[in-house]
C-alpha cells in the first residue's frame, strides 16, 4: 500500500478519534458522530468508525505511529483491522 494512503488511514483515525472523544460533533451541531461522518466525509459512518477503532487499538497496544504504518503497509488495512480486534 502506498505510504501516503497508509498515513491517511492513520491520520483519519486519529482525527476522528479526537472529534469523537471530545464530543466535538455536538459542538458542530450534529446529532451523532455517525451523522457528522455521513454529512461531511465521502465514506460511510461504518468506515469512519473502523478508522477510529484501528487507531485506538494501535494506541492501546502501545504501537508508535511509525510502527502502526509499517504494519499496515506490510499486512494491509483490512488484515490489521481484523487482527487488532482480537489482539
N, C-alpha and C. Protein backbone atom coordinates (compact mmCIF):
# COMPACT_ATOMS: atom_id res chain seq x y z
N UNK A 1 0.85 -1.17 0.00
CA UNK A 1 0.00 0.00 0.00
C UNK A 1 0.90 1.24 0.00
N UNK A 2 0.49 2.24 -0.70
CA UNK A 2 1.23 3.50 -0.78
C UNK A 2 1.33 4.15 0.59
N UNK A 3 2.51 4.66 0.94
CA UNK A 3 2.72 5.27 2.25
C UNK A 3 1.81 6.46 2.51
N UNK A 4 1.49 7.21 1.46
CA UNK A 4 0.60 8.36 1.62
C UNK A 4 -0.81 7.89 2.01
N UNK A 5 -1.28 6.85 1.35
CA UNK A 5 -2.61 6.31 1.66
C UNK A 5 -2.62 5.72 3.06
N UNK A 6 -1.59 4.97 3.40
CA UNK A 6 -1.49 4.38 4.73
C UNK A 6 -1.52 5.47 5.79
N UNK A 7 -0.74 6.52 5.59
CA UNK A 7 -0.72 7.63 6.53
C UNK A 7 -2.07 8.30 6.64
N UNK A 8 -2.80 8.36 5.54
CA UNK A 8 -4.13 8.98 5.55
C UNK A 8 -5.10 8.17 6.40
N UNK A 9 -5.04 6.83 6.31
CA UNK A 9 -5.89 5.99 7.16
C UNK A 9 -5.61 6.28 8.63
N UNK A 10 -4.34 6.30 8.98
CA UNK A 10 -3.94 6.51 10.36
C UNK A 10 -4.37 7.91 10.84
N UNK A 11 -4.07 8.92 10.03
CA UNK A 11 -4.42 10.29 10.39
C UNK A 11 -5.92 10.49 10.50
N UNK A 12 -6.67 9.88 9.60
CA UNK A 12 -8.13 10.00 9.65
C UNK A 12 -8.64 9.37 10.94
N UNK A 13 -8.10 8.22 11.31
CA UNK A 13 -8.48 7.58 12.57
C UNK A 13 -8.16 8.46 13.76
N UNK A 14 -6.98 9.09 13.74
CA UNK A 14 -6.55 9.97 14.84
C UNK A 14 -7.48 11.17 14.95
N UNK A 15 -7.78 11.80 13.83
CA UNK A 15 -8.63 12.99 13.83
C UNK A 15 -10.07 12.67 14.24
N UNK A 16 -10.61 11.60 13.68
CA UNK A 16 -11.98 11.22 14.03
C UNK A 16 -12.07 10.79 15.49
N UNK A 17 -11.02 10.14 15.97
CA UNK A 17 -10.99 9.73 17.38
C UNK A 17 -11.03 10.95 18.30
N UNK A 18 -10.28 11.97 17.96
CA UNK A 18 -10.26 13.20 18.76
C UNK A 18 -11.63 13.88 18.73
N UNK A 19 -12.27 13.92 17.57
CA UNK A 19 -13.59 14.52 17.45
C UNK A 19 -14.60 13.74 18.29
N UNK A 20 -14.53 12.41 18.20
CA UNK A 20 -15.46 11.57 18.95
C UNK A 20 -15.21 11.68 20.45
N UNK A 21 -13.97 11.58 20.87
CA UNK A 21 -13.62 11.62 22.28
C UNK A 21 -14.02 12.95 22.93
N UNK A 22 -13.80 14.03 22.21
CA UNK A 22 -14.15 15.35 22.73
C UNK A 22 -15.59 15.75 22.49
N UNK A 23 -16.35 14.86 21.88
CA UNK A 23 -17.75 15.14 21.52
C UNK A 23 -17.88 16.44 20.73
N UNK A 24 -16.89 16.68 19.87
CA UNK A 24 -16.90 17.90 19.05
C UNK A 24 -18.03 17.87 18.03
N UNK A 25 -18.52 16.69 17.70
CA UNK A 25 -19.64 16.60 16.77
C UNK A 25 -20.85 17.35 17.32
N UNK A 26 -21.02 17.33 18.66
CA UNK A 26 -22.12 18.08 19.27
C UNK A 26 -21.92 19.58 19.08
N UNK A 27 -20.68 20.03 19.32
CA UNK A 27 -20.34 21.44 19.18
C UNK A 27 -20.58 21.92 17.76
N UNK A 28 -20.34 21.03 16.80
CA UNK A 28 -20.53 21.37 15.39
C UNK A 28 -21.98 21.26 14.94
N UNK A 29 -22.87 20.85 15.87
CA UNK A 29 -24.30 20.83 15.57
C UNK A 29 -24.83 19.54 14.99
N UNK A 30 -24.10 18.45 15.13
CA UNK A 30 -24.57 17.16 14.60
C UNK A 30 -25.22 16.34 15.70
N UNK A 31 -26.16 15.50 15.31
CA UNK A 31 -26.86 14.64 16.26
C UNK A 31 -25.99 13.51 16.79
N UNK A 32 -25.02 13.11 16.00
CA UNK A 32 -24.16 11.98 16.38
C UNK A 32 -22.87 12.04 15.58
N UNK A 33 -21.92 11.23 16.00
CA UNK A 33 -20.67 11.12 15.25
C UNK A 33 -20.94 10.55 13.86
N UNK A 34 -21.82 9.57 13.80
CA UNK A 34 -22.18 8.97 12.51
C UNK A 34 -22.76 10.02 11.56
N UNK A 35 -23.59 10.90 12.09
CA UNK A 35 -24.20 11.95 11.27
C UNK A 35 -23.12 12.88 10.71
N UNK A 36 -22.16 13.27 11.55
CA UNK A 36 -21.06 14.13 11.08
C UNK A 36 -20.29 13.45 9.95
N UNK A 37 -19.94 12.18 10.16
CA UNK A 37 -19.16 11.45 9.14
C UNK A 37 -19.94 11.39 7.83
N UNK A 38 -21.21 11.02 7.91
CA UNK A 38 -22.01 10.86 6.70
C UNK A 38 -22.24 12.18 5.97
N UNK A 39 -22.36 13.26 6.70
CA UNK A 39 -22.61 14.56 6.08
C UNK A 39 -21.35 15.24 5.55
N UNK A 40 -20.24 15.06 6.22
CA UNK A 40 -19.04 15.83 5.89
C UNK A 40 -17.97 15.06 5.12
N UNK A 41 -18.01 13.74 5.17
CA UNK A 41 -16.95 12.94 4.54
C UNK A 41 -17.51 12.10 3.41
N UNK A 42 -16.64 11.57 2.60
CA UNK A 42 -17.08 10.82 1.42
C UNK A 42 -17.11 9.33 1.65
N UNK A 43 -17.20 8.91 2.90
CA UNK A 43 -17.30 7.48 3.20
C UNK A 43 -18.36 7.27 4.27
N UNK A 44 -18.71 6.02 4.48
CA UNK A 44 -19.79 5.68 5.42
C UNK A 44 -19.35 5.86 6.87
N UNK A 45 -20.34 5.95 7.74
CA UNK A 45 -20.02 6.02 9.17
C UNK A 45 -19.35 4.75 9.64
N UNK A 46 -19.68 3.60 9.04
CA UNK A 46 -19.01 2.35 9.38
C UNK A 46 -17.52 2.43 9.08
N UNK A 47 -17.18 2.97 7.93
CA UNK A 47 -15.76 3.14 7.57
C UNK A 47 -15.09 4.10 8.55
N UNK A 48 -15.76 5.19 8.88
CA UNK A 48 -15.20 6.15 9.83
C UNK A 48 -14.94 5.53 11.19
N UNK A 49 -15.89 4.73 11.66
CA UNK A 49 -15.70 4.06 12.95
C UNK A 49 -14.60 3.00 12.86
N UNK A 50 -14.43 2.39 11.70
CA UNK A 50 -13.32 1.43 11.52
C UNK A 50 -11.98 2.14 11.65
N UNK A 51 -11.86 3.33 11.07
CA UNK A 51 -10.62 4.10 11.19
C UNK A 51 -10.35 4.45 12.66
N UNK A 52 -11.39 4.87 13.36
CA UNK A 52 -11.26 5.21 14.78
C UNK A 52 -10.80 3.99 15.57
N UNK A 53 -11.47 2.86 15.37
CA UNK A 53 -11.14 1.65 16.12
C UNK A 53 -9.73 1.17 15.82
N UNK A 54 -9.32 1.24 14.57
CA UNK A 54 -7.97 0.83 14.20
C UNK A 54 -6.94 1.71 14.91
N UNK A 55 -7.14 3.01 14.86
CA UNK A 55 -6.23 3.94 15.52
C UNK A 55 -6.17 3.68 17.02
N UNK A 56 -7.33 3.56 17.64
CA UNK A 56 -7.38 3.36 19.10
C UNK A 56 -6.72 2.05 19.52
N UNK A 57 -6.90 1.00 18.76
CA UNK A 57 -6.28 -0.29 19.12
C UNK A 57 -4.76 -0.19 19.01
N UNK A 58 -4.26 0.45 17.97
CA UNK A 58 -2.81 0.66 17.88
C UNK A 58 -2.31 1.40 19.12
N UNK A 59 -3.06 2.42 19.53
CA UNK A 59 -2.67 3.20 20.71
C UNK A 59 -2.71 2.35 21.97
N UNK A 60 -3.78 1.60 22.16
CA UNK A 60 -3.94 0.75 23.34
C UNK A 60 -2.83 -0.29 23.45
N UNK A 61 -2.39 -0.78 22.31
CA UNK A 61 -1.35 -1.82 22.30
C UNK A 61 0.06 -1.22 22.35
N UNK A 62 0.16 0.09 22.36
CA UNK A 62 1.44 0.76 22.53
C UNK A 62 2.28 0.91 21.27
N UNK A 63 1.66 0.77 20.11
CA UNK A 63 2.40 0.96 18.86
C UNK A 63 2.59 2.45 18.59
N UNK A 64 3.77 2.80 18.11
CA UNK A 64 4.01 4.17 17.67
C UNK A 64 3.36 4.37 16.31
N UNK A 65 3.30 5.61 15.87
CA UNK A 65 2.74 5.87 14.54
C UNK A 65 3.58 5.16 13.47
N UNK A 66 4.89 5.23 13.58
CA UNK A 66 5.76 4.58 12.60
C UNK A 66 5.52 3.08 12.57
N UNK A 67 5.44 2.46 13.73
CA UNK A 67 5.20 1.01 13.79
C UNK A 67 3.84 0.66 13.21
N UNK A 68 2.84 1.47 13.52
CA UNK A 68 1.48 1.24 13.01
C UNK A 68 1.47 1.29 11.49
N UNK A 69 2.11 2.31 10.93
CA UNK A 69 2.13 2.48 9.47
C UNK A 69 2.90 1.34 8.80
N UNK A 70 3.97 0.90 9.43
CA UNK A 70 4.73 -0.23 8.87
C UNK A 70 3.87 -1.50 8.84
N UNK A 71 3.13 -1.74 9.91
CA UNK A 71 2.25 -2.92 9.96
C UNK A 71 1.14 -2.84 8.92
N UNK A 72 0.55 -1.67 8.76
CA UNK A 72 -0.49 -1.51 7.74
C UNK A 72 0.11 -1.74 6.35
N UNK A 73 1.28 -1.18 6.09
CA UNK A 73 1.93 -1.38 4.79
C UNK A 73 2.25 -2.84 4.54
N UNK A 74 2.70 -3.53 5.57
CA UNK A 74 3.11 -4.92 5.41
C UNK A 74 1.93 -5.87 5.25
N UNK A 75 0.87 -5.64 6.02
CA UNK A 75 -0.23 -6.61 6.07
C UNK A 75 -1.54 -6.12 5.46
N UNK A 76 -1.65 -4.84 5.21
CA UNK A 76 -2.89 -4.29 4.65
C UNK A 76 -3.83 -3.82 5.75
N UNK A 77 -4.64 -2.85 5.41
CA UNK A 77 -5.55 -2.23 6.37
C UNK A 77 -6.61 -3.21 6.85
N UNK A 78 -7.14 -4.02 5.96
CA UNK A 78 -8.21 -4.96 6.33
C UNK A 78 -7.68 -6.02 7.29
N UNK A 79 -6.55 -6.61 6.95
CA UNK A 79 -5.97 -7.65 7.80
C UNK A 79 -5.60 -7.09 9.17
N UNK A 80 -5.05 -5.88 9.21
CA UNK A 80 -4.67 -5.29 10.50
C UNK A 80 -5.92 -5.01 11.34
N UNK A 81 -6.98 -4.55 10.70
CA UNK A 81 -8.24 -4.31 11.41
C UNK A 81 -8.76 -5.59 12.04
N UNK A 82 -8.72 -6.68 11.29
CA UNK A 82 -9.17 -7.97 11.81
C UNK A 82 -8.29 -8.44 12.95
N UNK A 83 -6.99 -8.32 12.79
CA UNK A 83 -6.05 -8.75 13.82
C UNK A 83 -6.21 -7.93 15.10
N UNK A 84 -6.32 -6.63 14.97
CA UNK A 84 -6.38 -5.76 16.14
C UNK A 84 -7.67 -5.94 16.94
N UNK A 85 -8.73 -6.40 16.29
CA UNK A 85 -9.97 -6.66 17.01
C UNK A 85 -9.80 -7.78 18.03
N UNK A 86 -8.90 -8.71 17.73
CA UNK A 86 -8.70 -9.86 18.63
C UNK A 86 -7.44 -9.75 19.48
N UNK A 87 -6.58 -8.78 19.20
CA UNK A 87 -5.31 -8.66 19.93
C UNK A 87 -5.52 -8.12 21.33
